[in-house]
Amino acid sequence: MILVAAFVYMFYLYLLIGFVFAIWFTLSGVNTLDKGMEHASWGVRLLLIPGSILLWAVLWTKYINHK
């Protein structure tokens, strides 16, 4: 049971990090990876948040390798 609780807490931590990353990414990080997003509306940026939360590790790696 302790193993399950540890897994759940790790999942929550992953989602928390993803949420913080998604807010930063939609505000400024996406402009670095895709120049077409510079003039995108806030509605389009809001659509990026759920995917950014779940795929933050992949997007972070792409952002680091892009610079």
PDB file of N, CA and C in Angstrom:
ATOM      1  N   MET A   1       0.803  -1.194   0.000  1.00  0.00           N
ATOM      2  CA  MET A   1       0.000   0.000   0.000  1.00  0.00           C
ATOM      3  C   MET A   1       0.851   1.266   0.000  1.00  0.00           C
ATOM      4  N   ILE A   2       2.016   1.193   0.628  1.00  0.00           N
ATOM      5  CA  ILE A   2       2.914   2.340   0.648  1.00  0.00           C
ATOM      6  C   ILE A   2       3.433   2.623  -0.759  1.00  0.00           C
ATOM      7  N   LEU A   3       3.666   1.572  -1.528  1.00  0.00           N
ATOM      8  CA  LEU A   3       4.142   1.738  -2.894  1.00  0.00           C
ATOM      9  C   LEU A   3       3.100   2.459  -3.750  1.00  0.00           C
ATOM     10  N   VAL A   4       1.849   2.133  -3.578  1.00  0.00           N
ATOM     11  CA  VAL A   4       0.774   2.791  -4.324  1.00  0.00           C
ATOM     12  C   VAL A   4       0.678   4.263  -3.931  1.00  0.00           C
ATOM     13  N   ALA A   5       0.762   4.546  -2.645  1.00  0.00           N
ATOM     14  CA  ALA A   5       0.708   5.931  -2.181  1.00  0.00           C
ATOM     15  C   ALA A   5       1.894   6.729  -2.729  1.00  0.00           C
ATOM     16  N   ALA A   6       3.070   6.127  -2.747  1.00  0.00           N
ATOM     17  CA  ALA A   6       4.242   6.809  -3.289  1.00  0.00           C
ATOM     18  C   ALA A   6       4.057   7.090  -4.775  1.00  0.00           C
ATOM     19  N   PHE A   7       3.491   6.148  -5.506  1.00  0.00           N
ATOM     20  CA  PHE A   7       3.228   6.348  -6.929  1.00  0.00           C
ATOM     21  C   PHE A   7       2.232   7.487  -7.156  1.00  0.00           C
ATOM     22  N   VAL A   8       1.199   7.533  -6.344  1.00  0.00           N
ATOM     23  CA  VAL A   8       0.199   8.598  -6.477  1.00  0.00           C
ATOM     24  C   VAL A   8       0.819   9.955  -6.181  1.00  0.00           C
ATOM     25  N   TYR A   9       1.639  10.046  -5.149  1.00  0.00           N
ATOM     26  CA  TYR A   9       2.296  11.315  -4.830  1.00  0.00           C
ATOM     27  C   TYR A   9       3.282  11.731  -5.917  1.00  0.00           C
ATOM     28  N   MET A  10       3.963  10.777  -6.516  1.00  0.00           N
ATOM     29  CA  MET A  10       4.865  11.094  -7.616  1.00  0.00           C
ATOM     30  C   MET A  10       4.078  11.593  -8.828  1.00  0.00           C
ATOM     31  N   PHE A  11       2.918  11.012  -9.059  1.00  0.00           N
ATOM     32  CA  PHE A  11       2.062  11.465 -10.152  1.00  0.00           C
ATOM     33  C   PHE A  11       1.569  12.884  -9.902  1.00  0.00           C
ATOM     34  N   TYR A  12       1.171  13.169  -8.664  1.00  0.00           N
ATOM     35  CA  TYR A  12       0.748  14.532  -8.315  1.00  0.00           C
ATOM     36  C   TYR A  12       1.893  15.528  -8.494  1.00  0.00           C
ATOM     37  N   LEU A  13       3.090  15.140  -8.119  1.00  0.00           N
ATOM     38  CA  LEU A  13       4.253  16.002  -8.295  1.00  0.00           C
ATOM     39  C   LEU A  13       4.511  16.247  -9.780  1.00  0.00           C
ATOM     40  N   TYR A  14       4.384  15.203 -10.589  1.00  0.00           N
ATOM     41  CA  TYR A  14       4.554  15.337 -12.035  1.00  0.00           C
ATOM     42  C   TYR A  14       3.535  16.333 -12.594  1.00  0.00           C
ATOM     43  N   LEU A  15       2.284  16.230 -12.156  1.00  0.00           N
ATOM     44  CA  LEU A  15       1.251  17.158 -12.625  1.00  0.00           C
ATOM     45  C   LEU A  15       1.492  18.577 -12.131  1.00  0.00           C
ATOM     46  N   LEU A  16       1.965  18.745 -10.914  1.00  0.00           N
ATOM     47  CA  LEU A  16       2.253  20.075 -10.389  1.00  0.00           C
ATOM     48  C   LEU A  16       3.381  20.736 -11.175  1.00  0.00           C
ATOM     49  N   ILE A  17       4.446  19.989 -11.420  1.00  0.00           N
ATOM     50  CA  ILE A  17       5.538  20.522 -12.232  1.00  0.00           C
ATOM     51  C   ILE A  17       5.026  20.843 -13.631  1.00  0.00           C
ATOM     52  N   GLY A  18       4.186  19.978 -14.171  1.00  0.00           N
ATOM     53  CA  GLY A  18       3.618  20.206 -15.490  1.00  0.00           C
ATOM     54  C   GLY A  18       2.749  21.443 -15.541  1.00  0.00           C
ATOM     55  N   PHE A  19       1.988  21.704 -14.474  1.00  0.00           N
ATOM     56  CA  PHE A  19       1.142  22.896 -14.437  1.00  0.00           C
ATOM     57  C   PHE A  19       1.982  24.167 -14.431  1.00  0.00           C
ATOM     58  N   VAL A  20       3.013  24.186 -13.604  1.00  0.00           N
ATOM     59  CA  VAL A  20       3.894  25.358 -13.544  1.00  0.00           C
ATOM     60  C   VAL A  20       4.587  25.549 -14.889  1.00  0.00           C
ATOM     61  N   PHE A  21       5.069  24.455 -15.470  1.00  0.00           N
ATOM     62  CA  PHE A  21       5.717  24.541 -16.771  1.00  0.00           C
ATOM     63  C   PHE A  21       4.747  25.021 -17.844  1.00  0.00           C
ATOM     64  N   ALA A  22       3.512  24.540 -17.825  1.00  0.00           N
ATOM     65  CA  ALA A  22       2.526  24.903 -18.844  1.00  0.00           C
ATOM     66  C   ALA A  22       2.215  26.394 -18.813  1.00  0.00           C
ATOM     67  N   ILE A  23       2.128  26.967 -17.627  1.00  0.00           N
ATOM     68  CA  ILE A  23       1.873  28.402 -17.528  1.00  0.00           C
ATOM     69  C   ILE A  23       3.043  29.179 -18.139  1.00  0.00           C
ATOM     70  N   TRP A  24       4.257  28.820 -17.767  1.00  0.00           N
ATOM     71  CA  TRP A  24       5.430  29.491 -18.335  1.00  0.00           C
ATOM     72  C   TRP A  24       5.511  29.260 -19.843  1.00  0.00           C
ATOM     73  N   PHE A  25       5.276  28.028 -20.264  1.00  0.00           N
ATOM     74  CA  PHE A  25       5.422  27.674 -21.671  1.00  0.00           C
ATOM     75  C   PHE A  25       4.426  28.419 -22.544  1.00  0.00           C
ATOM     76  N   THR A  26       3.180  28.528 -22.101  1.00  0.00           N
ATOM     77  CA  THR A  26       2.189  29.211 -22.928  1.00  0.00           C
ATOM     78  C   THR A  26       2.418  30.719 -22.950  1.00  0.00           C
ATOM     79  N   LEU A  27       3.036  31.262 -21.920  1.00  0.00           N
ATOM     80  CA  LEU A  27       3.296  32.697 -21.912  1.00  0.00           C
ATOM     81  C   LEU A  27       4.507  33.078 -22.758  1.00  0.00           C
ATOM     82  N   SER A  28       5.582  32.309 -22.695  1.00  0.00           N
ATOM     83  CA  SER A  28       6.779  32.733 -23.416  1.00  0.00           C
ATOM     84  C   SER A  28       7.523  31.609 -24.128  1.00  0.00           C
ATOM     85  N   GLY A  29       7.517  30.420 -23.609  1.00  0.00           N
ATOM     86  CA  GLY A  29       8.337  29.344 -24.178  1.00  0.00           C
ATOM     87  C   GLY A  29       7.917  28.897 -25.558  1.00  0.00           C
ATOM     88  N   VAL A  30       6.622  28.920 -25.818  1.00  0.00           N
ATOM     89  CA  VAL A  30       6.137  28.458 -27.114  1.00  0.00           C
ATOM     90  C   VAL A  30       6.591  29.385 -28.235  1.00  0.00           C
ATOM     91  N   ASN A  31       6.819  30.643 -27.935  1.00  0.00           N
ATOM     92  CA  ASN A  31       7.302  31.584 -28.949  1.00  0.00           C
ATOM     93  C   ASN A  31       8.695  31.214 -29.446  1.00  0.00           C
ATOM     94  N   THR A  32       9.488  30.595 -28.593  1.00  0.00           N
ATOM     95  CA  THR A  32      10.835  30.199 -28.977  1.00  0.00           C
ATOM     96  C   THR A  32      10.806  28.994 -29.914  1.00  0.00           C
ATOM     97  N   LEU A  33       9.918  28.044 -29.636  1.00  0.00           N
ATOM     98  CA  LEU A  33       9.858  26.836 -30.449  1.00  0.00           C
ATOM     99  C   LEU A  33       9.125  27.040 -31.764  1.00  0.00           C
ATOM    100  N   ASP A  34       8.120  27.903 -31.769  1.00  0.00           N
ATOM    101  CA  ASP A  34       7.307  28.105 -32.964  1.00  0.00           C
ATOM    102  C   ASP A  34       7.078  29.595 -33.174  1.00  0.00           C
ATOM    103  N   LYS A  35       7.740  30.136 -34.161  1.00  0.00           N
ATOM    104  CA  LYS A  35       7.633  31.586 -34.416  1.00  0.00           C
ATOM    105  C   LYS A  35       6.219  31.984 -34.840  1.00  0.00           C
ATOM    106  N   GLY A  36       5.430  31.062 -35.351  1.00  0.00           N
ATOM    107  CA  GLY A  36       4.062  31.365 -35.756  1.00  0.00           C
ATOM    108  C   GLY A  36       3.131  31.623 -34.580  1.00  0.00           C
ATOM    109  N   MET A  37       3.555  31.248 -33.387  1.00  0.00           N
ATOM    110  CA  MET A  37       2.718  31.443 -32.200  1.00  0.00           C
ATOM    111  C   MET A  37       2.864  32.836 -31.598  1.00  0.00           C
ATOM    112  N   GLU A  38       3.745  33.639 -32.135  1.00  0.00           N
ATOM    113  CA  GLU A  38       3.956  34.974 -31.570  1.00  0.00           C
ATOM    114  C   GLU A  38       2.693  35.826 -31.628  1.00  0.00           C
ATOM    115  N   HIS A  39       1.893  35.650 -32.652  1.00  0.00           N
ATOM    116  CA  HIS A  39       0.686  36.456 -32.813  1.00  0.00           C
ATOM    117  C   HIS A  39      -0.584  35.643 -32.593  1.00  0.00           C
ATOM    118  N   ALA A  40      -0.465  34.505 -31.926  1.00  0.00           N
ATOM    119  CA  ALA A  40      -1.626  33.658 -31.669  1.00  0.00           C
ATOM    120  C   ALA A  40      -2.493  34.258 -30.566  1.00  0.00           C
ATOM    121  N   SER A  41      -3.779  33.990 -30.637  1.00  0.00           N
ATOM    122  CA  SER A  41      -4.700  34.519 -29.631  1.00  0.00           C
ATOM    123  C   SER A  41      -4.578  33.722 -28.332  1.00  0.00           C
ATOM    124  N   TRP A  42      -5.182  34.282 -27.275  1.00  0.00           N
ATOM    125  CA  TRP A  42      -5.148  33.606 -25.979  1.00  0.00           C
ATOM    126  C   TRP A  42      -5.971  32.328 -26.002  1.00  0.00           C
ATOM    127  N   GLY A  43      -6.965  32.258 -26.873  1.00  0.00           N
ATOM    128  CA  GLY A  43      -7.745  31.030 -26.992  1.00  0.00           C
ATOM    129  C   GLY A  43      -6.907  29.866 -27.471  1.00  0.00           C
ATOM    130  N   VAL A  44      -6.056  30.122 -28.425  1.00  0.00           N
ATOM    131  CA  VAL A  44      -5.153  29.076 -28.924  1.00  0.00           C
ATOM    132  C   VAL A  44      -4.165  28.685 -27.838  1.00  0.00           C
ATOM    133  N   ARG A  45      -3.656  29.667 -27.121  1.00  0.00           N
ATOM    134  CA  ARG A  45      -2.705  29.362 -26.046  1.00  0.00           C
ATOM    135  C   ARG A  45      -3.355  28.558 -24.920  1.00  0.00           C
ATOM    136  N   LEU A  46      -4.626  28.828 -24.643  1.00  0.00           N
ATOM    137  CA  LEU A  46      -5.328  28.048 -23.621  1.00  0.00           C
ATOM    138  C   LEU A  46      -5.471  26.582 -24.031  1.00  0.00           C
ATOM    139  N   LEU A  47      -5.582  26.350 -25.330  1.00  0.00           N
ATOM    140  CA  LEU A  47      -5.672  24.971 -25.808  1.00  0.00           C
ATOM    141  C   LEU A  47      -4.365  24.209 -25.619  1.00  0.00           C
ATOM    142  N   LEU A  48      -3.264  24.903 -25.486  1.00  0.00           N
ATOM    143  CA  LEU A  48      -1.965  24.259 -25.294  1.00  0.00           C
ATOM    144  C   LEU A  48      -1.732  23.779 -23.862  1.00  0.00           C
ATOM    145  N   ILE A  49      -2.466  24.329 -22.917  1.00  0.00           N
ATOM    146  CA  ILE A  49      -2.194  24.042 -21.506  1.00  0.00           C
ATOM    147  C   ILE A  49      -2.363  22.563 -21.142  1.00  0.00           C
ATOM    148  N   PRO A  50      -3.471  21.893 -21.480  1.00  0.00           N
ATOM    149  CA  PRO A  50      -3.582  20.480 -21.070  1.00  0.00           C
ATOM    150  C   PRO A  50      -2.478  19.590 -21.631  1.00  0.00           C
ATOM    151  N   GLY A  51      -2.149  19.778 -22.892  1.00  0.00           N
ATOM    152  CA  GLY A  51      -1.075  18.982 -23.477  1.00  0.00           C
ATOM    153  C   GLY A  51       0.277  19.311 -22.883  1.00  0.00           C
ATOM    154  N   SER A  52       0.483  20.581 -22.560  1.00  0.00           N
ATOM    155  CA  SER A  52       1.752  20.984 -21.954  1.00  0.00           C
ATOM    156  C   SER A  52       1.908  20.417 -20.554  1.00  0.00           C
ATOM    157  N   ILE A  53       0.808  20.291 -19.832  1.00  0.00           N
ATOM    158  CA  ILE A  53       0.877  19.696 -18.485  1.00  0.00           C
ATOM    159  C   ILE A  53       1.312  18.242 -18.578  1.00  0.00           C
ATOM    160  N   LEU A  54       0.734  17.511 -19.504  1.00  0.00           N
ATOM    161  CA  LEU A  54       1.033  16.084 -19.592  1.00  0.00           C
ATOM    162  C   LEU A  54       2.366  15.797 -20.278  1.00  0.00           C
ATOM    163  N   LEU A  55       2.759  16.632 -21.213  1.00  0.00           N
ATOM    164  CA  LEU A  55       3.982  16.380 -21.987  1.00  0.00           C
ATOM    165  C   LEU A  55       5.102  17.361 -21.656  1.00  0.00           C
ATOM    166  N   TRP A  56       5.128  17.852 -20.421  1.00  0.00           N
ATOM    167  CA  TRP A  56       6.099  18.885 -20.071  1.00  0.00           C
ATOM    168  C   TRP A  56       7.540  18.402 -20.209  1.00  0.00           C
ATOM    169  N   ALA A  57       7.794  17.154 -19.934  1.00  0.00           N
ATOM    170  CA  ALA A  57       9.175  16.659 -20.014  1.00  0.00           C
ATOM    171  C   ALA A  57       9.671  16.668 -21.461  1.00  0.00           C
ATOM    172  N   VAL A  58       8.813  16.306 -22.396  1.00  0.00           N
ATOM    173  CA  VAL A  58       9.183  16.301 -23.809  1.00  0.00           C
ATOM    174  C   VAL A  58       9.388  17.736 -24.301  1.00  0.00           C
ATOM    175  N   LEU A  59       8.462  18.625 -23.933  1.00  0.00           N
ATOM    176  CA  LEU A  59       8.566  20.020 -24.374  1.00  0.00           C
ATOM    177  C   LEU A  59       9.777  20.710 -23.761  1.00  0.00           C
ATOM    178  N   TRP A  60      10.082  20.408 -22.511  1.00  0.00           N
ATOM    179  CA  TRP A  60      11.260  20.987 -21.863  1.00  0.00           C
ATOM    180  C   TRP A  60      12.530  20.547 -22.589  1.00  0.00           C
ATOM    181  N   THR A  61      12.611  19.265 -22.957  1.00  0.00           N
ATOM    182  CA  THR A  61      13.772  18.760 -23.680  1.00  0.00           C
ATOM    183  C   THR A  61      13.899  19.440 -25.037  1.00  0.00           C
ATOM    184  N   LYS A  62      12.781  19.618 -25.747  1.00  0.00           N
ATOM    185  CA  LYS A  62      12.822  20.322 -27.031  1.00  0.00           C
ATOM    186  C   LYS A  62      13.247  21.766 -26.854  1.00  0.00           C
ATOM    187  N   TYR A  63      12.777  22.413 -25.806  1.00  0.00           N
ATOM    188  CA  TYR A  63      13.137  23.806 -25.561  1.00  0.00           C
ATOM    189  C   TYR A  63      14.630  23.934 -25.255  1.00  0.00           C
ATOM    190  N   ILE A  64      15.155  23.045 -24.432  1.00  0.00           N
ATOM    191  CA  ILE A  64      16.582  23.085 -24.077  1.00  0.00           C
ATOM    192  C   ILE A  64      17.454  22.813 -25.311  1.00  0.00           C
ATOM    193  N   ASN A  65      17.068  21.833 -26.116  1.00  0.00           N
ATOM    194  CA  ASN A  65      17.863  21.491 -27.300  1.00  0.00           C
ATOM    195  C   ASN A  65      17.741  22.529 -28.397  1.00  0.00           C
ATOM    196  N   HIS A  66      16.681  23.300 -28.387  1.00  0.00           N
ATOM    197  CA  HIS A  66      16.456  24.318 -29.419  1.00  0.00           C
ATOM    198  C   HIS A  66      17.361  25.535 -29.217  1.00  0.00           C
ATOM    199  N   LYS A  67      17.650  25.847 -27.972  1.00  0.00           N
ATOM    200  CA  LYS A  67      18.457  27.048 -27.678  1.00  0.00           C
ATOM    201  C   LYS A  67      19.878  26.890 -28.069  1.00  0.00           C
TER     202      LYS A  67
END
